[in-house]
C-alpha cells in the first residue's frame, strides 16, 4: 500500500533519537559530488530511527516516483560531520539544530531543507518500583524534575556540553538550581544504562529511542517523563532535520525538494496503522530489534515527526540556544540563514 501526501505542520510534533553530543559539532558545506544530477547520497548515523524513512522511501519507490535516486553511506564514527561528508562524498546529513547553528557560525554554509524531528523523543526513566513521581501516575513534569534535585541521573554527554546545558535549563524551568543537578556521563547505550538502574547506582536516566522502547517492553524501566510533555526547552524547540550545503540546494532545488517529498511519502506510509507491522519489521531488521520493541518505536516515535520547518519554532530554538549558552552569541544566525527558502513556512 502506498500513500502519497505531503506532511504538514499539523501531522504531529516531536522526535529525536539522540545524536551524541547533539549541540556543538561542526559540519562543512563542501560535500562530495553526486553520481548524477538527479541523485543524492545520504549520510546515515548508526542506529537512528529516522533511517527507517530513507529505507521505506527506497523500498516503496517513493524517491523513484519523485524523480530522484537516493543512495546511503554509513557515517564514519571517528570523524566529525564535515570530515564525514567529505570522506563519503555525501550530499545530505541529519543534524541537530545546535550542530547546525555551530556549523553556520564556523562558516560551513549548511542549511536545513527538510524537517524530521521537531522534538526529541527521549524520556526520563527509572527502575521499576521507584519511589520517584511519574507523569503516568499523575505528577506534573515540574514535580518529576524537582524530584531529581540532588539525585544521580545517567546522562548521555559530559557536564558542560550543549546537551547538558539544555538539561540544566530544563531543571531550572522546574525550579531546580544548577548546583543540585547531578549527572553521570554514560553515553547513549542502553546496555550501559540498564545495569546502573538495576544496581541503584543512578536514580534515573535520560534514554533515547529505541532504548526507551526496549526498557519498557522488557520491564527493565518505567517512564517518569516523556520529553514531548516536558519543559519548553525540549518540547518547543526544533530538534533535528536534514541539512545540505546552501550552494547545492540553490543549484539543484528540485532534487532536494524531491528527496523531502519522498521522505514525506515515507513518513505518511509509516504513520499509517495499516503499515505498522511491515514498518516495524523493516526497523527491526535495520537495528536488530525484537518485533515488539520495533512496533513500539514505530507507534510512539513516528507520529511525532514532521517534514515542515516552522519559522517560529526555529527562531525560538536559536533564541534559547543563545540564551542558555548552547551556542555562541555571535555571529548570530537568522532563520533565513539556517533554513532554505524553499523549506521555510
C-alpha atoms as a PDB file:
ATOM      1  CA  UNK A   1       0.000   0.000   0.000  1.00  0.00           C
ATOM      2  CA  UNK A   2       1.441   3.384  -0.956  1.00  0.00           C
ATOM      3  CA  UNK A   3       0.286   6.701   0.372  1.00  0.00           C
ATOM      4  CA  UNK A   4       1.194   9.978  -1.295  1.00  0.00           C
ATOM      5  CA  UNK A   5       0.829  13.197   0.616  1.00  0.00           C
ATOM      6  CA  UNK A   6       2.990  15.973   1.906  1.00  0.00           C
ATOM      7  CA  UNK A   7       3.230  16.027   5.696  1.00  0.00           C
ATOM      8  CA  UNK A   8       2.006  19.340   7.060  1.00  0.00           C
ATOM      9  CA  UNK A   9       2.679  21.108  10.323  1.00  0.00           C
ATOM     10  CA  UNK A  10      -0.379  19.546  11.897  1.00  0.00           C
ATOM     11  CA  UNK A  11       0.781  15.990  11.282  1.00  0.00           C
ATOM     12  CA  UNK A  12       2.347  15.725  14.692  1.00  0.00           C
ATOM     13  CA  UNK A  13       5.014  17.176  16.895  1.00  0.00           C
ATOM     14  CA  UNK A  14       8.294  15.525  18.078  1.00  0.00           C
ATOM     15  CA  UNK A  15      11.301  13.432  17.975  1.00  0.00           C
ATOM     16  CA  UNK A  16      14.942  12.875  18.102  1.00  0.00           C
ATOM     17  CA  UNK A  17      16.970   9.905  18.764  1.00  0.00           C
ATOM     18  CA  UNK A  18      19.979  11.448  20.179  1.00  0.00           C
ATOM     19  CA  UNK A  19      22.976  12.173  18.026  1.00  0.00           C
ATOM     20  CA  UNK A  20      25.657  12.013  20.688  1.00  0.00           C
ATOM     21  CA  UNK A  21      26.914  15.442  21.762  1.00  0.00           C
ATOM     22  CA  UNK A  22      23.930  16.860  19.996  1.00  0.00           C
ATOM     23  CA  UNK A  23      24.594  20.538  20.321  1.00  0.00           C
ATOM     24  CA  UNK A  24      28.040  21.541  19.258  1.00  0.00           C
ATOM     25  CA  UNK A  25      29.691  19.668  16.387  1.00  0.00           C
ATOM     26  CA  UNK A  26      30.527  21.462  13.153  1.00  0.00           C
ATOM     27  CA  UNK A  27      29.950  20.436   9.569  1.00  0.00           C
ATOM     28  CA  UNK A  28      31.315  21.659   6.289  1.00  0.00           C
ATOM     29  CA  UNK A  29      29.368  22.835   3.275  1.00  0.00           C
ATOM     30  CA  UNK A  30      31.938  21.189   0.984  1.00  0.00           C
ATOM     31  CA  UNK A  31      30.300  17.818   0.413  1.00  0.00           C
ATOM     32  CA  UNK A  32      31.093  15.336  -2.290  1.00  0.00           C
ATOM     33  CA  UNK A  33      29.667  15.255  -5.780  1.00  0.00           C
ATOM     34  CA  UNK A  34      26.591  13.210  -6.595  1.00  0.00           C
ATOM     35  CA  UNK A  35      26.949  10.476  -9.178  1.00  0.00           C
ATOM     36  CA  UNK A  36      24.323  12.115 -11.405  1.00  0.00           C
ATOM     37  CA  UNK A  37      22.410  15.368 -11.343  1.00  0.00           C
ATOM     38  CA  UNK A  38      19.222  13.700 -10.067  1.00  0.00           C
ATOM     39  CA  UNK A  39      20.853  11.651  -7.285  1.00  0.00           C
ATOM     40  CA  UNK A  40      21.693  12.364  -3.661  1.00  0.00           C
ATOM     41  CA  UNK A  41      23.750  10.420  -1.159  1.00  0.00           C
ATOM     42  CA  UNK A  42      22.517  10.488   2.432  1.00  0.00           C
ATOM     43  CA  UNK A  43      24.989  10.110   5.286  1.00  0.00           C
ATOM     44  CA  UNK A  44      23.441   7.926   7.966  1.00  0.00           C
ATOM     45  CA  UNK A  45      24.463   7.624  11.586  1.00  0.00           C
ATOM     46  CA  UNK A  46      24.218   4.157  13.159  1.00  0.00           C
ATOM     47  CA  UNK A  47      21.042   3.057  14.940  1.00  0.00           C
ATOM     48  CA  UNK A  48      18.977   6.164  14.291  1.00  0.00           C
ATOM     49  CA  UNK A  49      15.231   5.594  13.976  1.00  0.00           C
ATOM     50  CA  UNK A  50      14.821   8.161  11.200  1.00  0.00           C
ATOM     51  CA  UNK A  51      16.861   5.876   8.903  1.00  0.00           C
ATOM     52  CA  UNK A  52      13.627   3.916   8.553  1.00  0.00           C
ATOM     53  CA  UNK A  53      12.186   6.723   6.424  1.00  0.00           C
ATOM     54  CA  UNK A  54      15.020   6.542   3.900  1.00  0.00           C
ATOM     55  CA  UNK A  55      14.757   2.743   3.757  1.00  0.00           C
ATOM     56  CA  UNK A  56      10.980   2.817   3.267  1.00  0.00           C
ATOM     57  CA  UNK A  57      11.351   5.531   0.639  1.00  0.00           C
ATOM     58  CA  UNK A  58      13.766   3.315  -1.268  1.00  0.00           C
ATOM     59  CA  UNK A  59      11.845   0.056  -0.835  1.00  0.00           C
ATOM     60  CA  UNK A  60       8.447   1.527  -1.711  1.00  0.00           C
ATOM     61  CA  UNK A  61       9.768   3.509  -4.660  1.00  0.00           C
ATOM     62  CA  UNK A  62       8.774   6.901  -3.229  1.00  0.00           C
ATOM     63  CA  UNK A  63      12.036   8.576  -4.220  1.00  0.00           C
ATOM     64  CA  UNK A  64      11.975   6.989  -7.646  1.00  0.00           C
ATOM     65  CA  UNK A  65       8.450   8.250  -8.239  1.00  0.00           C
ATOM     66  CA  UNK A  66       9.597  11.733  -7.246  1.00  0.00           C
ATOM     67  CA  UNK A  67      12.386  11.540  -9.816  1.00  0.00           C
ATOM     68  CA  UNK A  68      15.399  11.290  -7.511  1.00  0.00           C
ATOM     69  CA  UNK A  69      17.823   8.431  -6.856  1.00  0.00           C
ATOM     70  CA  UNK A  70      18.888   8.025  -3.227  1.00  0.00           C
ATOM     71  CA  UNK A  71      21.953   6.165  -2.050  1.00  0.00           C
ATOM     72  CA  UNK A  72      23.266   5.965   1.504  1.00  0.00           C
ATOM     73  CA  UNK A  73      26.646   5.940   3.206  1.00  0.00           C
ATOM     74  CA  UNK A  74      27.469   4.899   6.751  1.00  0.00           C
ATOM     75  CA  UNK A  75      28.749   7.645   8.991  1.00  0.00           C
ATOM     76  CA  UNK A  76      32.444   7.120   9.815  1.00  0.00           C
ATOM     77  CA  UNK A  77      32.090   7.351  13.580  1.00  0.00           C
ATOM     78  CA  UNK A  78      35.667   8.525  14.093  1.00  0.00           C
ATOM     79  CA  UNK A  79      35.074  11.668  12.023  1.00  0.00           C
ATOM     80  CA  UNK A  80      33.199  14.875  12.675  1.00  0.00           C
ATOM     81  CA  UNK A  81      30.358  15.762  10.326  1.00  0.00           C
ATOM     82  CA  UNK A  82      32.428  17.944   7.999  1.00  0.00           C
ATOM     83  CA  UNK A  83      35.080  15.279   7.533  1.00  0.00           C
ATOM     84  CA  UNK A  84      32.466  12.531   7.235  1.00  0.00           C
ATOM     85  CA  UNK A  85      30.614  14.304   4.417  1.00  0.00           C
ATOM     86  CA  UNK A  86      33.836  14.828   2.501  1.00  0.00           C
ATOM     87  CA  UNK A  87      35.124  11.308   3.098  1.00  0.00           C
ATOM     88  CA  UNK A  88      31.911   9.681   1.918  1.00  0.00           C
ATOM     89  CA  UNK A  89      31.082  12.247  -0.790  1.00  0.00           C
ATOM     90  CA  UNK A  90      27.635  12.649   0.709  1.00  0.00           C
ATOM     91  CA  UNK A  91      25.123  15.378  -0.105  1.00  0.00           C
ATOM     92  CA  UNK A  92      22.744  15.181   2.849  1.00  0.00           C
ATOM     93  CA  UNK A  93      23.242  14.732   6.591  1.00  0.00           C
ATOM     94  CA  UNK A  94      20.913  14.733   9.571  1.00  0.00           C
ATOM     95  CA  UNK A  95      21.979  17.444  12.034  1.00  0.00           C
ATOM     96  CA  UNK A  96      20.693  18.569  15.394  1.00  0.00           C
ATOM     97  CA  UNK A  97      19.749  22.223  15.453  1.00  0.00           C
ATOM     98  CA  UNK A  98      22.587  23.023  17.848  1.00  0.00           C
ATOM     99  CA  UNK A  99      25.067  21.451  15.447  1.00  0.00           C
ATOM    100  CA  UNK A 100      23.561  23.394  12.543  1.00  0.00           C
ATOM    101  CA  UNK A 101      23.932  26.712  14.363  1.00  0.00           C
ATOM    102  CA  UNK A 102      27.503  25.870  15.389  1.00  0.00           C
ATOM    103  CA  UNK A 103      28.402  24.877  11.851  1.00  0.00           C
ATOM    104  CA  UNK A 104      26.935  28.111  10.467  1.00  0.00           C
ATOM    105  CA  UNK A 105      28.917  30.127  12.991  1.00  0.00           C
ATOM    106  CA  UNK A 106      32.038  28.289  11.795  1.00  0.00           C
ATOM    107  CA  UNK A 107      31.276  29.283   8.186  1.00  0.00           C
ATOM    108  CA  UNK A 108      30.167  25.888   6.940  1.00  0.00           C
ATOM    109  CA  UNK A 109      27.240  27.145   4.853  1.00  0.00           C
ATOM    110  CA  UNK A 110      24.830  24.334   5.652  1.00  0.00           C
ATOM    111  CA  UNK A 111      21.057  24.799   5.685  1.00  0.00           C
ATOM    112  CA  UNK A 112      18.080  22.738   6.689  1.00  0.00           C
ATOM    113  CA  UNK A 113      15.870  21.858   3.747  1.00  0.00           C
ATOM    114  CA  UNK A 114      13.658  19.064   5.134  1.00  0.00           C
ATOM    115  CA  UNK A 115      12.429  18.503   8.664  1.00  0.00           C
ATOM    116  CA  UNK A 116      12.099  15.318  10.653  1.00  0.00           C
ATOM    117  CA  UNK A 117      12.318  15.757  14.403  1.00  0.00           C
ATOM    118  CA  UNK A 118      10.759  18.868  15.920  1.00  0.00           C
ATOM    119  CA  UNK A 119      11.030  17.393  19.440  1.00  0.00           C
ATOM    120  CA  UNK A 120      13.424  14.883  20.963  1.00  0.00           C
ATOM    121  CA  UNK A 121      11.629  11.599  21.772  1.00  0.00           C
ATOM    122  CA  UNK A 122      13.821  10.914  24.809  1.00  0.00           C
ATOM    123  CA  UNK A 123      12.396  10.000  28.183  1.00  0.00           C
ATOM    124  CA  UNK A 124      13.455  10.225  31.806  1.00  0.00           C
ATOM    125  CA  UNK A 125      13.274   6.670  33.118  1.00  0.00           C
ATOM    126  CA  UNK A 126      13.826   4.864  36.409  1.00  0.00           C
ATOM    127  CA  UNK A 127      13.952   1.291  37.658  1.00  0.00           C
ATOM    128  CA  UNK A 128      10.621  -0.475  38.278  1.00  0.00           C
ATOM    129  CA  UNK A 129       9.422   0.087  41.825  1.00  0.00           C
ATOM    130  CA  UNK A 130      10.986   3.528  42.042  1.00  0.00           C
ATOM    131  CA  UNK A 131       9.532   5.934  44.576  1.00  0.00           C
ATOM    132  CA  UNK A 132      10.119   8.868  42.236  1.00  0.00           C
ATOM    133  CA  UNK A 133       6.949  10.502  40.861  1.00  0.00           C
ATOM    134  CA  UNK A 134       5.916   9.915  37.253  1.00  0.00           C
ATOM    135  CA  UNK A 135       3.575  11.671  34.890  1.00  0.00           C
ATOM    136  CA  UNK A 136       1.839   8.333  34.291  1.00  0.00           C
ATOM    137  CA  UNK A 137       0.817   8.399  37.954  1.00  0.00           C
ATOM    138  CA  UNK A 138      -0.465  11.964  37.826  1.00  0.00           C
ATOM    139  CA  UNK A 139       2.616  14.025  38.604  1.00  0.00           C
ATOM    140  CA  UNK A 140       3.421  17.132  36.579  1.00  0.00           C
ATOM    141  CA  UNK A 141       6.677  17.340  34.661  1.00  0.00           C
ATOM    142  CA  UNK A 142       7.768  20.016  37.132  1.00  0.00           C
ATOM    143  CA  UNK A 143       7.244  17.592  40.020  1.00  0.00           C
ATOM    144  CA  UNK A 144       9.197  14.896  38.199  1.00  0.00           C
ATOM    145  CA  UNK A 145      12.185  17.156  37.581  1.00  0.00           C
ATOM    146  CA  UNK A 146      12.102  18.624  41.083  1.00  0.00           C
ATOM    147  CA  UNK A 147      12.256  15.095  42.472  1.00  0.00           C
ATOM    148  CA  UNK A 148      15.596  14.640  40.678  1.00  0.00           C
ATOM    149  CA  UNK A 149      17.284  17.517  42.546  1.00  0.00           C
ATOM    150  CA  UNK A 150      20.386  16.072  44.178  1.00  0.00           C
ATOM    151  CA  UNK A 151      19.749  12.672  42.584  1.00  0.00           C
ATOM    152  CA  UNK A 152      22.150  10.921  40.207  1.00  0.00           C
ATOM    153  CA  UNK A 153      20.902  10.883  36.613  1.00  0.00           C
ATOM    154  CA  UNK A 154      22.573   8.780  33.914  1.00  0.00           C
ATOM    155  CA  UNK A 155      23.272  11.235  31.127  1.00  0.00           C
ATOM    156  CA  UNK A 156      24.455  10.856  27.500  1.00  0.00           C
ATOM    157  CA  UNK A 157      27.081  13.631  27.428  1.00  0.00           C
ATOM    158  CA  UNK A 158      29.605  15.156  29.841  1.00  0.00           C
ATOM    159  CA  UNK A 159      28.963  18.151  32.045  1.00  0.00           C
ATOM    160  CA  UNK A 160      29.423  21.441  30.225  1.00  0.00           C
ATOM    161  CA  UNK A 161      28.303  20.223  26.784  1.00  0.00           C
ATOM    162  CA  UNK A 162      25.443  21.866  24.942  1.00  0.00           C
ATOM    163  CA  UNK A 163      23.187  18.930  25.678  1.00  0.00           C
ATOM    164  CA  UNK A 164      23.990  19.210  29.400  1.00  0.00           C
ATOM    165  CA  UNK A 165      23.270  22.944  29.341  1.00  0.00           C
ATOM    166  CA  UNK A 166      19.790  22.243  27.960  1.00  0.00           C
ATOM    167  CA  UNK A 167      19.217  19.765  30.794  1.00  0.00           C
ATOM    168  CA  UNK A 168      20.243  22.412  33.329  1.00  0.00           C
ATOM    169  CA  UNK A 169      17.836  24.845  31.646  1.00  0.00           C
ATOM    170  CA  UNK A 170      15.049  22.262  31.864  1.00  0.00           C
ATOM    171  CA  UNK A 171      15.725  21.704  35.563  1.00  0.00           C
ATOM    172  CA  UNK A 172      15.782  25.471  36.156  1.00  0.00           C
ATOM    173  CA  UNK A 173      12.419  25.717  34.404  1.00  0.00           C
ATOM    174  CA  UNK A 174      11.115  23.333  37.065  1.00  0.00           C
ATOM    175  CA  UNK A 175      12.698  25.372  39.858  1.00  0.00           C
ATOM    176  CA  UNK A 176      15.893  23.323  40.427  1.00  0.00           C
ATOM    177  CA  UNK A 177      19.166  25.174  40.968  1.00  0.00           C
ATOM    178  CA  UNK A 178      22.167  24.187  38.827  1.00  0.00           C
ATOM    179  CA  UNK A 179      24.132  23.157  41.937  1.00  0.00           C
ATOM    180  CA  UNK A 180      21.533  20.452  42.575  1.00  0.00           C
ATOM    181  CA  UNK A 181      21.895  18.936  39.072  1.00  0.00           C
ATOM    182  CA  UNK A 182      23.975  15.737  39.219  1.00  0.00           C
ATOM    183  CA  UNK A 183      24.681  13.791  36.038  1.00  0.00           C
ATOM    184  CA  UNK A 184      26.753  10.664  35.371  1.00  0.00           C
ATOM    185  CA  UNK A 185      28.062  10.514  31.804  1.00  0.00           C
ATOM    186  CA  UNK A 186      27.092   7.094  30.439  1.00  0.00           C
ATOM    187  CA  UNK A 187      26.679   7.718  26.705  1.00  0.00           C
ATOM    188  CA  UNK A 188      23.506   6.571  24.968  1.00  0.00           C
ATOM    189  CA  UNK A 189      23.946   2.782  25.003  1.00  0.00           C
ATOM    190  CA  UNK A 190      21.034   1.077  26.733  1.00  0.00           C
ATOM    191  CA  UNK A 191      23.238  -1.831  27.820  1.00  0.00           C
ATOM    192  CA  UNK A 192      25.352   0.655  29.783  1.00  0.00           C
ATOM    193  CA  UNK A 193      22.394   2.412  31.395  1.00  0.00           C
ATOM    194  CA  UNK A 194      20.312  -0.602  32.416  1.00  0.00           C
ATOM    195  CA  UNK A 195      22.845  -2.133  34.880  1.00  0.00           C
ATOM    196  CA  UNK A 196      23.208   1.229  36.618  1.00  0.00           C
ATOM    197  CA  UNK A 197      19.449   1.408  37.131  1.00  0.00           C
ATOM    198  CA  UNK A 198      19.322  -2.241  38.236  1.00  0.00           C
ATOM    199  CA  UNK A 199      22.023  -1.760  40.884  1.00  0.00           C
ATOM    200  CA  UNK A 200      20.758   1.599  42.065  1.00  0.00           C
ATOM    201  CA  UNK A 201      23.981   3.320  41.016  1.00  0.00           C
ATOM    202  CA  UNK A 202      21.828   6.014  39.424  1.00  0.00           C
ATOM    203  CA  UNK A 203      18.360   7.123  40.435  1.00  0.00           C
ATOM    204  CA  UNK A 204      17.115   7.877  36.924  1.00  0.00           C
ATOM    205  CA  UNK A 205      18.354   8.031  33.346  1.00  0.00           C
ATOM    206  CA  UNK A 206      17.851  10.007  30.178  1.00  0.00           C
ATOM    207  CA  UNK A 207      17.159   7.397  27.490  1.00  0.00           C
ATOM    208  CA  UNK A 208      16.657   7.783  23.738  1.00  0.00           C
ATOM    209  CA  UNK A 209      14.644   5.674  21.310  1.00  0.00           C
ATOM    210  CA  UNK A 210      14.780   2.771  20.714  1.00  0.00           C
ATOM    211  CA  UNK A 211      16.297   2.230  24.138  1.00  0.00           C
ATOM    212  CA  UNK A 212      13.163   3.613  25.761  1.00  0.00           C
ATOM    213  CA  UNK A 213      11.009   1.050  24.000  1.00  0.00           C
ATOM    214  CA  UNK A 214      13.397  -1.798  24.860  1.00  0.00           C
ATOM    215  CA  UNK A 215      13.467  -0.943  28.562  1.00  0.00           C
ATOM    216  CA  UNK A 216       9.691  -0.638  28.732  1.00  0.00           C
ATOM    217  CA  UNK A 217       8.937  -3.770  26.722  1.00  0.00           C
ATOM    218  CA  UNK A 218      11.422  -5.813  28.770  1.00  0.00           C
ATOM    219  CA  UNK A 219      10.120  -4.442  32.063  1.00  0.00           C
ATOM    220  CA  UNK A 220      13.564  -3.091  32.959  1.00  0.00           C
ATOM    221  CA  UNK A 221      12.482   0.527  33.461  1.00  0.00           C
ATOM    222  CA  UNK A 222       9.473   2.817  33.653  1.00  0.00           C
ATOM    223  CA  UNK A 223       8.963   6.286  32.212  1.00  0.00           C
ATOM    224  CA  UNK A 224       8.887   9.227  34.581  1.00  0.00           C
ATOM    225  CA  UNK A 225       8.591  11.961  31.939  1.00  0.00           C
ATOM    226  CA  UNK A 226       8.484  11.958  28.124  1.00  0.00           C
ATOM    227  CA  UNK A 227      10.299  14.962  26.690  1.00  0.00           C
ATOM    228  CA  UNK A 228       7.308  15.630  24.444  1.00  0.00           C
ATOM    229  CA  UNK A 229       5.298  16.504  27.549  1.00  0.00           C
ATOM    230  CA  UNK A 230       8.045  18.229  29.488  1.00  0.00           C
ATOM    231  CA  UNK A 231       9.702  21.657  29.725  1.00  0.00           C
ATOM    232  CA  UNK A 232       9.722  24.137  26.877  1.00  0.00           C
ATOM    233  CA  UNK A 233      13.460  23.740  26.159  1.00  0.00           C
ATOM    234  CA  UNK A 234      12.597  20.259  24.919  1.00  0.00           C
ATOM    235  CA  UNK A 235       9.040  20.291  23.603  1.00  0.00           C
ATOM    236  CA  UNK A 236       9.000  23.740  21.949  1.00  0.00           C
ATOM    237  CA  UNK A 237      12.351  23.668  20.099  1.00  0.00           C
ATOM    238  CA  UNK A 238      13.255  22.090  16.768  1.00  0.00           C
ATOM    239  CA  UNK A 239      15.477  19.089  17.414  1.00  0.00           C
ATOM    240  CA  UNK A 240      16.951  17.846  14.126  1.00  0.00           C
ATOM    241  CA  UNK A 241      16.442  17.847  10.367  1.00  0.00           C
ATOM    242  CA  UNK A 242      18.113  17.106   7.055  1.00  0.00           C
ATOM    243  CA  UNK A 243      20.805  19.565   6.030  1.00  0.00           C
ATOM    244  CA  UNK A 244      22.878  20.184   2.913  1.00  0.00           C
ATOM    245  CA  UNK A 245      25.213  22.888   1.607  1.00  0.00           C
ATOM    246  CA  UNK A 246      23.208  26.018   0.779  1.00  0.00           C
ATOM    247  CA  UNK A 247      25.036  26.286  -2.543  1.00  0.00           C
ATOM    248  CA  UNK A 248      23.993  22.764  -3.517  1.00  0.00           C
ATOM    249  CA  UNK A 249      20.362  23.410  -2.593  1.00  0.00           C
ATOM    250  CA  UNK A 250      20.404  26.567  -4.718  1.00  0.00           C
ATOM    251  CA  UNK A 251      21.938  24.730  -7.682  1.00  0.00           C
ATOM    252  CA  UNK A 252      19.533  21.753  -7.581  1.00  0.00           C
ATOM    253  CA  UNK A 253      16.460  22.861  -5.632  1.00  0.00           C
ATOM    254  CA  UNK A 254      14.171  20.411  -7.417  1.00  0.00           C
ATOM    255  CA  UNK A 255      16.333  17.419  -6.448  1.00  0.00           C
ATOM    256  CA  UNK A 256      16.427  18.326  -2.765  1.00  0.00           C
ATOM    257  CA  UNK A 257      12.686  19.058  -2.848  1.00  0.00           C
ATOM    258  CA  UNK A 258      12.096  15.645  -4.415  1.00  0.00           C
ATOM    259  CA  UNK A 259      14.063  13.994  -1.598  1.00  0.00           C
ATOM    260  CA  UNK A 260      11.967  15.808   1.007  1.00  0.00           C
ATOM    261  CA  UNK A 261       8.738  14.865  -0.770  1.00  0.00           C
ATOM    262  CA  UNK A 262       9.908  11.245  -0.785  1.00  0.00           C
ATOM    263  CA  UNK A 263      10.608  11.468   2.954  1.00  0.00           C
ATOM    264  CA  UNK A 264       7.093  12.889   3.377  1.00  0.00           C
ATOM    265  CA  UNK A 265       5.619   9.956   1.433  1.00  0.00           C
ATOM    266  CA  UNK A 266       7.620   7.507   3.560  1.00  0.00           C
ATOM    267  CA  UNK A 267       6.502   9.232   6.752  1.00  0.00           C
ATOM    268  CA  UNK A 268       2.850   9.013   5.719  1.00  0.00           C
ATOM    269  CA  UNK A 269       3.379   5.322   4.972  1.00  0.00           C
ATOM    270  CA  UNK A 270       4.984   4.626   8.350  1.00  0.00           C
ATOM    271  CA  UNK A 271       2.340   6.667  10.210  1.00  0.00           C
ATOM    272  CA  UNK A 272      -0.476   4.634   8.629  1.00  0.00           C
ATOM    273  CA  UNK A 273      -1.603   1.960  11.152  1.00  0.00           C
ATOM    274  CA  UNK A 274      -2.183  -0.415   8.226  1.00  0.00           C
ATOM    275  CA  UNK A 275       1.575  -0.447   7.643  1.00  0.00           C
ATOM    276  CA  UNK A 276       2.628  -0.848  11.286  1.00  0.00           C
ATOM    277  CA  UNK A 277       3.778  -4.454  11.086  1.00  0.00           C
ATOM    278  CA  UNK A 278       5.679  -4.000   7.844  1.00  0.00           C
ATOM    279  CA  UNK A 279       7.353  -0.811   9.051  1.00  0.00           C
ATOM    280  CA  UNK A 280       8.245  -2.444  12.358  1.00  0.00           C
ATOM    281  CA  UNK A 281       9.746  -5.431  10.566  1.00  0.00           C
ATOM    282  CA  UNK A 282      11.938  -3.118   8.500  1.00  0.00           C
ATOM    283  CA  UNK A 283      13.066  -1.201  11.596  1.00  0.00           C
ATOM    284  CA  UNK A 284      13.751  -4.466  13.432  1.00  0.00           C
ATOM    285  CA  UNK A 285      15.960  -5.630  10.581  1.00  0.00           C
ATOM    286  CA  UNK A 286      17.785  -2.287  10.422  1.00  0.00           C
ATOM    287  CA  UNK A 287      18.599  -2.201  14.127  1.00  0.00           C
ATOM    288  CA  UNK A 288      18.444  -5.824  15.235  1.00  0.00           C
ATOM    289  CA  UNK A 289      15.401  -5.206  17.430  1.00  0.00           C
ATOM    290  CA  UNK A 290      12.728  -7.600  18.618  1.00  0.00           C
ATOM    291  CA  UNK A 291       9.369  -7.233  16.821  1.00  0.00           C
ATOM    292  CA  UNK A 292       7.677  -5.875  19.961  1.00  0.00           C
ATOM    293  CA  UNK A 293      10.299  -3.191  20.531  1.00  0.00           C
ATOM    294  CA  UNK A 294      10.222  -2.180  16.865  1.00  0.00           C
ATOM    295  CA  UNK A 295       6.420  -1.918  16.860  1.00  0.00           C
ATOM    296  CA  UNK A 296       6.524   0.242  19.976  1.00  0.00           C
ATOM    297  CA  UNK A 297       9.126   2.516  18.398  1.00  0.00           C
ATOM    298  CA  UNK A 298       7.103   2.948  15.213  1.00  0.00           C
ATOM    299  CA  UNK A 299       3.921   3.609  17.187  1.00  0.00           C
ATOM    300  CA  UNK A 300       5.439   6.026  19.696  1.00  0.00           C
ATOM    301  CA  UNK A 301       8.059   7.953  17.732  1.00  0.00           C
ATOM    302  CA  UNK A 302       6.985   8.417  14.123  1.00  0.00           C
ATOM    303  CA  UNK A 303       3.570  10.020  14.755  1.00  0.00           C
ATOM    304  CA  UNK A 304       5.557  12.963  16.133  1.00  0.00           C
ATOM    305  CA  UNK A 305       7.742  13.581  13.063  1.00  0.00           C
ATOM    306  CA  UNK A 306       7.044  16.364  10.570  1.00  0.00           C
ATOM    307  CA  UNK A 307       8.813  17.487   7.412  1.00  0.00           C
ATOM    308  CA  UNK A 308       7.928  21.154   7.931  1.00  0.00           C
ATOM    309  CA  UNK A 309      10.405  23.659   9.410  1.00  0.00           C
ATOM    310  CA  UNK A 310       8.224  26.354  11.007  1.00  0.00           C
ATOM    311  CA  UNK A 311       9.910  29.755  11.228  1.00  0.00           C
ATOM    312  CA  UNK A 312       8.603  30.477  14.728  1.00  0.00           C
ATOM    313  CA  UNK A 313       9.897  27.191  16.115  1.00  0.00           C
ATOM    314  CA  UNK A 314      13.299  27.693  14.509  1.00  0.00           C
ATOM    315  CA  UNK A 315      13.573  31.241  15.851  1.00  0.00           C
ATOM    316  CA  UNK A 316      12.661  30.049  19.356  1.00  0.00           C
ATOM    317  CA  UNK A 317      15.375  27.414  19.043  1.00  0.00           C
ATOM    318  CA  UNK A 318      18.033  29.978  18.069  1.00  0.00           C
ATOM    319  CA  UNK A 319      16.992  32.345  20.865  1.00  0.00           C
ATOM    320  CA  UNK A 320      17.004  29.621  23.529  1.00  0.00           C
ATOM    321  CA  UNK A 321      20.324  28.137  22.477  1.00  0.00           C
ATOM    322  CA  UNK A 322      21.979  31.543  22.670  1.00  0.00           C
ATOM    323  CA  UNK A 323      20.350  32.380  25.996  1.00  0.00           C
ATOM    324  CA  UNK A 324      21.406  29.080  27.567  1.00  0.00           C
ATOM    325  CA  UNK A 325      24.945  29.177  26.205  1.00  0.00           C
ATOM    326  CA  UNK A 326      24.489  26.150  23.956  1.00  0.00           C
ATOM    327  CA  UNK A 327      25.900  28.156  21.037  1.00  0.00           C
ATOM    328  CA  UNK A 328      27.977  31.340  20.845  1.00  0.00           C
ATOM    329  CA  UNK A 329      26.234  34.713  20.993  1.00  0.00           C
ATOM    330  CA  UNK A 330      27.995  35.925  17.858  1.00  0.00           C
ATOM    331  CA  UNK A 331      27.753  35.700  14.969  1.00  0.00           C
ATOM    332  CA  UNK A 332      24.032  35.240  15.413  1.00  0.00           C
ATOM    333  CA  UNK A 333      22.226  33.443  12.564  1.00  0.00           C
ATOM    334  CA  UNK A 334      18.700  34.190  11.429  1.00  0.00           C
ATOM    335  CA  UNK A 335      16.099  31.677  10.347  1.00  0.00           C
ATOM    336  CA  UNK A 336      16.828  32.763   6.771  1.00  0.00           C
ATOM    337  CA  UNK A 337      20.471  31.767   7.280  1.00  0.00           C
ATOM    338  CA  UNK A 338      19.639  28.328   8.634  1.00  0.00           C
ATOM    339  CA  UNK A 339      16.637  27.221   6.559  1.00  0.00           C
ATOM    340  CA  UNK A 340      16.482  27.128   2.770  1.00  0.00           C
ATOM    341  CA  UNK A 341      13.887  29.477   1.271  1.00  0.00           C
ATOM    342  CA  UNK A 342      12.040  26.538  -0.275  1.00  0.00           C
ATOM    343  CA  UNK A 343      11.522  24.936   3.158  1.00  0.00           C
ATOM    344  CA  UNK A 344      10.524  27.956   5.224  1.00  0.00           C
ATOM    345  CA  UNK A 345       6.968  28.476   6.437  1.00  0.00           C
END
